[in-house]
Amino acid sequence: MKMGRGFVNTLLNGFDAKLNYPAHLRRIRFNDPETGTVLVFLSNQMTLPAATTCALYRSRRQVDLFVKWMNQFLGTSENAVNTQIWIVVAVYTIIRK
């Protein structure tokens, strides 16, 4: 069922998917003007505008890339993870001010 421009209200139709997540999802299609690629997101957030949801996913992608880089640079040992957490806390503190 079409809910508006750029997104569709949908249900997952795989047997296991229906059992594990029976609620409606919002499928958002977004044309990224910077890269020219078409991005498709599934979200359970129904109230935010499609553009806001896309911006949140883009920000999350940047965080994911940062964490991946940190893992490659510092490793995944307990000490490395603790170092990563403290670096993120320090950066967050600096950015918040």
N, C-alpha and C. Protein backbone atom coordinates (compact mmCIF):
# COMPACT_ATOMS: atom_id res chain seq x y z
N MET A 1 0.85 -1.18 0.00
CA MET A 1 0.00 0.00 0.00
C MET A 1 0.90 1.24 0.00
N LYS A 2 0.69 2.12 -0.93
CA LYS A 2 1.49 3.34 -1.04
C LYS A 2 1.05 4.32 0.05
N MET A 3 2.04 4.82 0.81
CA MET A 3 1.73 5.74 1.90
C MET A 3 2.09 7.18 1.57
N GLY A 4 2.87 7.37 0.54
CA GLY A 4 3.31 8.71 0.21
C GLY A 4 4.50 8.63 -0.71
N ARG A 5 4.99 9.75 -1.12
CA ARG A 5 6.09 9.79 -2.07
C ARG A 5 7.39 9.30 -1.43
N GLY A 6 8.03 8.30 -2.04
CA GLY A 6 9.34 7.85 -1.59
C GLY A 6 9.32 6.70 -0.60
N PHE A 7 8.14 6.29 -0.12
CA PHE A 7 8.14 5.16 0.80
C PHE A 7 6.87 4.34 0.67
N VAL A 8 6.96 3.08 1.12
CA VAL A 8 5.85 2.14 1.04
C VAL A 8 5.73 1.43 2.39
N ASN A 9 4.51 1.24 2.86
CA ASN A 9 4.24 0.47 4.06
C ASN A 9 4.17 -0.99 3.65
N THR A 10 4.96 -1.87 4.28
CA THR A 10 5.06 -3.25 3.82
C THR A 10 5.16 -4.22 4.99
N LEU A 11 4.93 -5.48 4.70
CA LEU A 11 5.14 -6.57 5.66
C LEU A 11 6.18 -7.52 5.07
N LEU A 12 6.98 -8.13 5.92
CA LEU A 12 7.90 -9.16 5.46
C LEU A 12 7.08 -10.40 5.12
N ASN A 13 7.43 -11.11 4.02
CA ASN A 13 6.58 -12.23 3.62
C ASN A 13 7.24 -13.59 3.72
N GLY A 14 8.50 -13.68 4.16
CA GLY A 14 9.12 -14.98 4.40
C GLY A 14 8.54 -15.60 5.66
N PHE A 15 8.46 -16.94 5.70
CA PHE A 15 7.83 -17.61 6.84
C PHE A 15 8.50 -17.23 8.15
N ASP A 16 9.82 -17.38 8.24
CA ASP A 16 10.53 -17.03 9.47
C ASP A 16 10.45 -15.54 9.76
N ALA A 17 10.53 -14.73 8.72
CA ALA A 17 10.47 -13.28 8.91
C ALA A 17 9.13 -12.86 9.51
N LYS A 18 8.04 -13.44 9.02
CA LYS A 18 6.71 -13.11 9.57
C LYS A 18 6.61 -13.48 11.04
N LEU A 19 7.19 -14.64 11.39
CA LEU A 19 7.13 -15.07 12.79
C LEU A 19 7.99 -14.18 13.68
N ASN A 20 9.18 -13.81 13.20
CA ASN A 20 10.12 -13.05 14.01
C ASN A 20 9.84 -11.55 14.02
N TYR A 21 9.20 -11.05 12.97
CA TYR A 21 8.88 -9.61 12.94
C TYR A 21 7.55 -9.42 12.19
N PRO A 22 6.42 -9.58 12.89
CA PRO A 22 5.12 -9.51 12.22
C PRO A 22 4.62 -8.08 11.97
N ALA A 23 5.28 -7.07 12.53
CA ALA A 23 4.80 -5.68 12.40
C ALA A 23 5.09 -5.12 11.01
N HIS A 24 4.38 -4.06 10.68
CA HIS A 24 4.61 -3.38 9.41
C HIS A 24 5.96 -2.66 9.44
N LEU A 25 6.58 -2.60 8.28
CA LEU A 25 7.82 -1.86 8.09
C LEU A 25 7.60 -0.81 7.02
N ARG A 26 8.46 0.15 7.00
CA ARG A 26 8.42 1.22 6.02
C ARG A 26 9.63 1.04 5.09
N ARG A 27 9.37 0.86 3.80
CA ARG A 27 10.45 0.74 2.83
C ARG A 27 10.61 2.10 2.17
N ILE A 28 11.81 2.67 2.32
CA ILE A 28 12.09 4.01 1.80
C ILE A 28 13.10 3.89 0.67
N ARG A 29 12.78 4.47 -0.46
CA ARG A 29 13.68 4.50 -1.61
C ARG A 29 14.18 5.93 -1.74
N PHE A 30 15.52 6.06 -1.84
CA PHE A 30 16.13 7.38 -1.85
C PHE A 30 17.20 7.44 -2.92
N ASN A 31 17.14 8.44 -3.77
CA ASN A 31 18.18 8.68 -4.77
C ASN A 31 19.21 9.62 -4.16
N ASP A 32 20.43 9.10 -3.94
CA ASP A 32 21.50 9.90 -3.34
C ASP A 32 22.09 10.82 -4.41
N PRO A 33 21.92 12.13 -4.26
CA PRO A 33 22.42 13.06 -5.29
C PRO A 33 23.94 13.14 -5.33
N GLU A 34 24.62 12.82 -4.22
CA GLU A 34 26.08 12.89 -4.18
C GLU A 34 26.74 11.77 -4.97
N THR A 35 26.17 10.55 -4.85
CA THR A 35 26.79 9.40 -5.51
C THR A 35 26.00 8.90 -6.71
N GLY A 36 24.75 9.33 -6.83
CA GLY A 36 23.91 8.89 -7.92
C GLY A 36 23.34 7.49 -7.71
N THR A 37 23.53 6.92 -6.53
CA THR A 37 23.01 5.58 -6.27
C THR A 37 21.62 5.64 -5.66
N VAL A 38 20.89 4.55 -5.85
CA VAL A 38 19.57 4.41 -5.24
C VAL A 38 19.73 3.59 -3.98
N LEU A 39 19.29 4.13 -2.86
CA LEU A 39 19.37 3.46 -1.57
C LEU A 39 17.98 3.05 -1.13
N VAL A 40 17.86 1.84 -0.59
CA VAL A 40 16.57 1.35 -0.10
C VAL A 40 16.75 0.96 1.36
N PHE A 41 15.92 1.51 2.23
CA PHE A 41 15.99 1.26 3.67
C PHE A 41 14.70 0.62 4.14
N LEU A 42 14.80 -0.27 5.13
CA LEU A 42 13.64 -0.77 5.86
C LEU A 42 13.70 -0.18 7.25
N SER A 43 12.59 0.36 7.72
CA SER A 43 12.56 1.00 9.02
C SER A 43 11.22 0.74 9.69
N ASN A 44 11.23 0.69 11.01
CA ASN A 44 9.97 0.61 11.75
C ASN A 44 9.53 2.00 12.21
N GLN A 45 10.28 3.02 11.83
CA GLN A 45 9.95 4.41 12.16
C GLN A 45 8.94 4.92 11.13
N MET A 46 7.70 5.12 11.57
CA MET A 46 6.63 5.50 10.64
C MET A 46 6.31 6.99 10.67
N THR A 47 6.80 7.73 11.66
CA THR A 47 6.36 9.11 11.81
C THR A 47 7.31 10.14 11.22
N LEU A 48 8.60 9.84 11.14
CA LEU A 48 9.55 10.81 10.59
C LEU A 48 9.42 10.90 9.07
N PRO A 49 9.70 12.07 8.51
CA PRO A 49 9.71 12.19 7.05
C PRO A 49 10.77 11.27 6.45
N ALA A 50 10.55 10.84 5.22
CA ALA A 50 11.48 9.94 4.54
C ALA A 50 12.89 10.54 4.47
N ALA A 51 13.00 11.83 4.20
CA ALA A 51 14.31 12.48 4.10
C ALA A 51 15.06 12.44 5.44
N THR A 52 14.35 12.59 6.54
CA THR A 52 14.97 12.54 7.87
C THR A 52 15.48 11.13 8.15
N THR A 53 14.68 10.12 7.83
CA THR A 53 15.09 8.74 8.03
C THR A 53 16.33 8.43 7.21
N CYS A 54 16.38 8.91 5.98
CA CYS A 54 17.56 8.70 5.13
C CYS A 54 18.79 9.38 5.72
N ALA A 55 18.63 10.57 6.26
CA ALA A 55 19.76 11.27 6.87
C ALA A 55 20.28 10.51 8.09
N LEU A 56 19.37 9.93 8.87
CA LEU A 56 19.78 9.13 10.03
C LEU A 56 20.56 7.90 9.60
N TYR A 57 20.09 7.22 8.55
CA TYR A 57 20.81 6.04 8.05
C TYR A 57 22.18 6.43 7.50
N ARG A 58 22.25 7.57 6.84
CA ARG A 58 23.54 8.03 6.32
C ARG A 58 24.51 8.30 7.47
N SER A 59 24.04 8.93 8.52
CA SER A 59 24.88 9.18 9.70
C SER A 59 25.32 7.87 10.33
N ARG A 60 24.40 6.93 10.41
CA ARG A 60 24.73 5.63 10.99
C ARG A 60 25.79 4.93 10.15
N ARG A 61 25.70 5.05 8.85
CA ARG A 61 26.69 4.44 7.96
C ARG A 61 28.08 5.01 8.23
N GLN A 62 28.16 6.32 8.47
CA GLN A 62 29.45 6.93 8.78
C GLN A 62 30.02 6.39 10.09
N VAL A 63 29.14 6.18 11.08
CA VAL A 63 29.59 5.61 12.35
C VAL A 63 30.07 4.18 12.13
N ASP A 64 29.34 3.39 11.34
CA ASP A 64 29.74 2.01 11.04
C ASP A 64 31.11 1.96 10.37
N LEU A 65 31.34 2.87 9.41
CA LEU A 65 32.64 2.91 8.73
C LEU A 65 33.75 3.29 9.71
N PHE A 66 33.46 4.21 10.63
CA PHE A 66 34.44 4.62 11.63
C PHE A 66 34.80 3.45 12.54
N VAL A 67 33.78 2.70 13.01
CA VAL A 67 34.03 1.56 13.88
C VAL A 67 34.81 0.48 13.13
N LYS A 68 34.48 0.25 11.87
CA LYS A 68 35.22 -0.73 11.08
C LYS A 68 36.69 -0.32 10.96
N TRP A 69 36.94 0.95 10.71
CA TRP A 69 38.32 1.45 10.63
C TRP A 69 39.03 1.26 11.96
N MET A 70 38.33 1.58 13.07
CA MET A 70 38.93 1.42 14.39
C MET A 70 39.31 -0.05 14.64
N ASN A 71 38.42 -0.97 14.26
CA ASN A 71 38.72 -2.39 14.45
C ASN A 71 39.93 -2.82 13.64
N GLN A 72 40.05 -2.31 12.42
CA GLN A 72 41.20 -2.67 11.58
C GLN A 72 42.48 -2.06 12.14
N PHE A 73 42.38 -0.85 12.68
CA PHE A 73 43.56 -0.14 13.18
C PHE A 73 44.00 -0.66 14.55
N LEU A 74 43.03 -0.84 15.46
CA LEU A 74 43.36 -1.21 16.84
C LEU A 74 43.19 -2.70 17.14
N GLY A 75 42.37 -3.39 16.35
CA GLY A 75 42.11 -4.80 16.61
C GLY A 75 40.82 -5.00 17.38
N THR A 76 40.58 -6.25 17.78
CA THR A 76 39.32 -6.57 18.45
C THR A 76 39.53 -7.23 19.82
N SER A 77 40.74 -7.15 20.36
CA SER A 77 40.99 -7.71 21.69
C SER A 77 40.23 -6.88 22.73
N GLU A 78 40.15 -7.39 23.94
CA GLU A 78 39.44 -6.66 25.00
C GLU A 78 40.06 -5.28 25.22
N ASN A 79 41.39 -5.22 25.24
CA ASN A 79 42.08 -3.95 25.42
C ASN A 79 41.78 -2.99 24.26
N ALA A 80 41.77 -3.52 23.05
CA ALA A 80 41.49 -2.68 21.88
C ALA A 80 40.07 -2.12 21.92
N VAL A 81 39.12 -2.95 22.33
CA VAL A 81 37.72 -2.49 22.42
C VAL A 81 37.59 -1.42 23.50
N ASN A 82 38.25 -1.62 24.64
CA ASN A 82 38.22 -0.60 25.70
C ASN A 82 38.83 0.71 25.20
N THR A 83 39.92 0.62 24.46
CA THR A 83 40.55 1.82 23.89
C THR A 83 39.60 2.52 22.93
N GLN A 84 38.92 1.74 22.10
CA GLN A 84 37.96 2.31 21.15
C GLN A 84 36.83 3.04 21.88
N ILE A 85 36.33 2.43 22.93
CA ILE A 85 35.24 3.06 23.69
C ILE A 85 35.70 4.39 24.28
N TRP A 86 36.89 4.43 24.86
CA TRP A 86 37.39 5.67 25.43
C TRP A 86 37.65 6.72 24.37
N ILE A 87 38.11 6.31 23.20
CA ILE A 87 38.30 7.27 22.10
C ILE A 87 36.96 7.86 21.68
N VAL A 88 35.95 7.02 21.56
CA VAL A 88 34.62 7.50 21.16
C VAL A 88 34.06 8.45 22.22
N VAL A 89 34.21 8.12 23.50
CA VAL A 89 33.74 9.00 24.58
C VAL A 89 34.46 10.34 24.52
N ALA A 90 35.78 10.31 24.29
CA ALA A 90 36.55 11.55 24.21
C ALA A 90 36.11 12.40 23.02
N VAL A 91 35.94 11.77 21.87
CA VAL A 91 35.51 12.52 20.67
C VAL A 91 34.12 13.08 20.88
N TYR A 92 33.21 12.29 21.44
CA TYR A 92 31.85 12.76 21.70
C TYR A 92 31.87 13.96 22.64
N THR A 93 32.69 13.91 23.68
CA THR A 93 32.80 15.02 24.63
C THR A 93 33.31 16.28 23.94
N ILE A 94 34.29 16.13 23.08
CA ILE A 94 34.84 17.29 22.36
C ILE A 94 33.80 17.87 21.40
N ILE A 95 33.09 17.01 20.69
CA ILE A 95 32.12 17.48 19.70
C ILE A 95 30.93 18.15 20.38
N ARG A 96 30.51 17.63 21.53
CA ARG A 96 29.34 18.18 22.24
C ARG A 96 29.58 19.60 22.72
N LYS A 97 30.81 19.98 22.97
CA LYS A 97 31.08 21.31 23.53
C LYS A 97 31.14 22.33 22.48
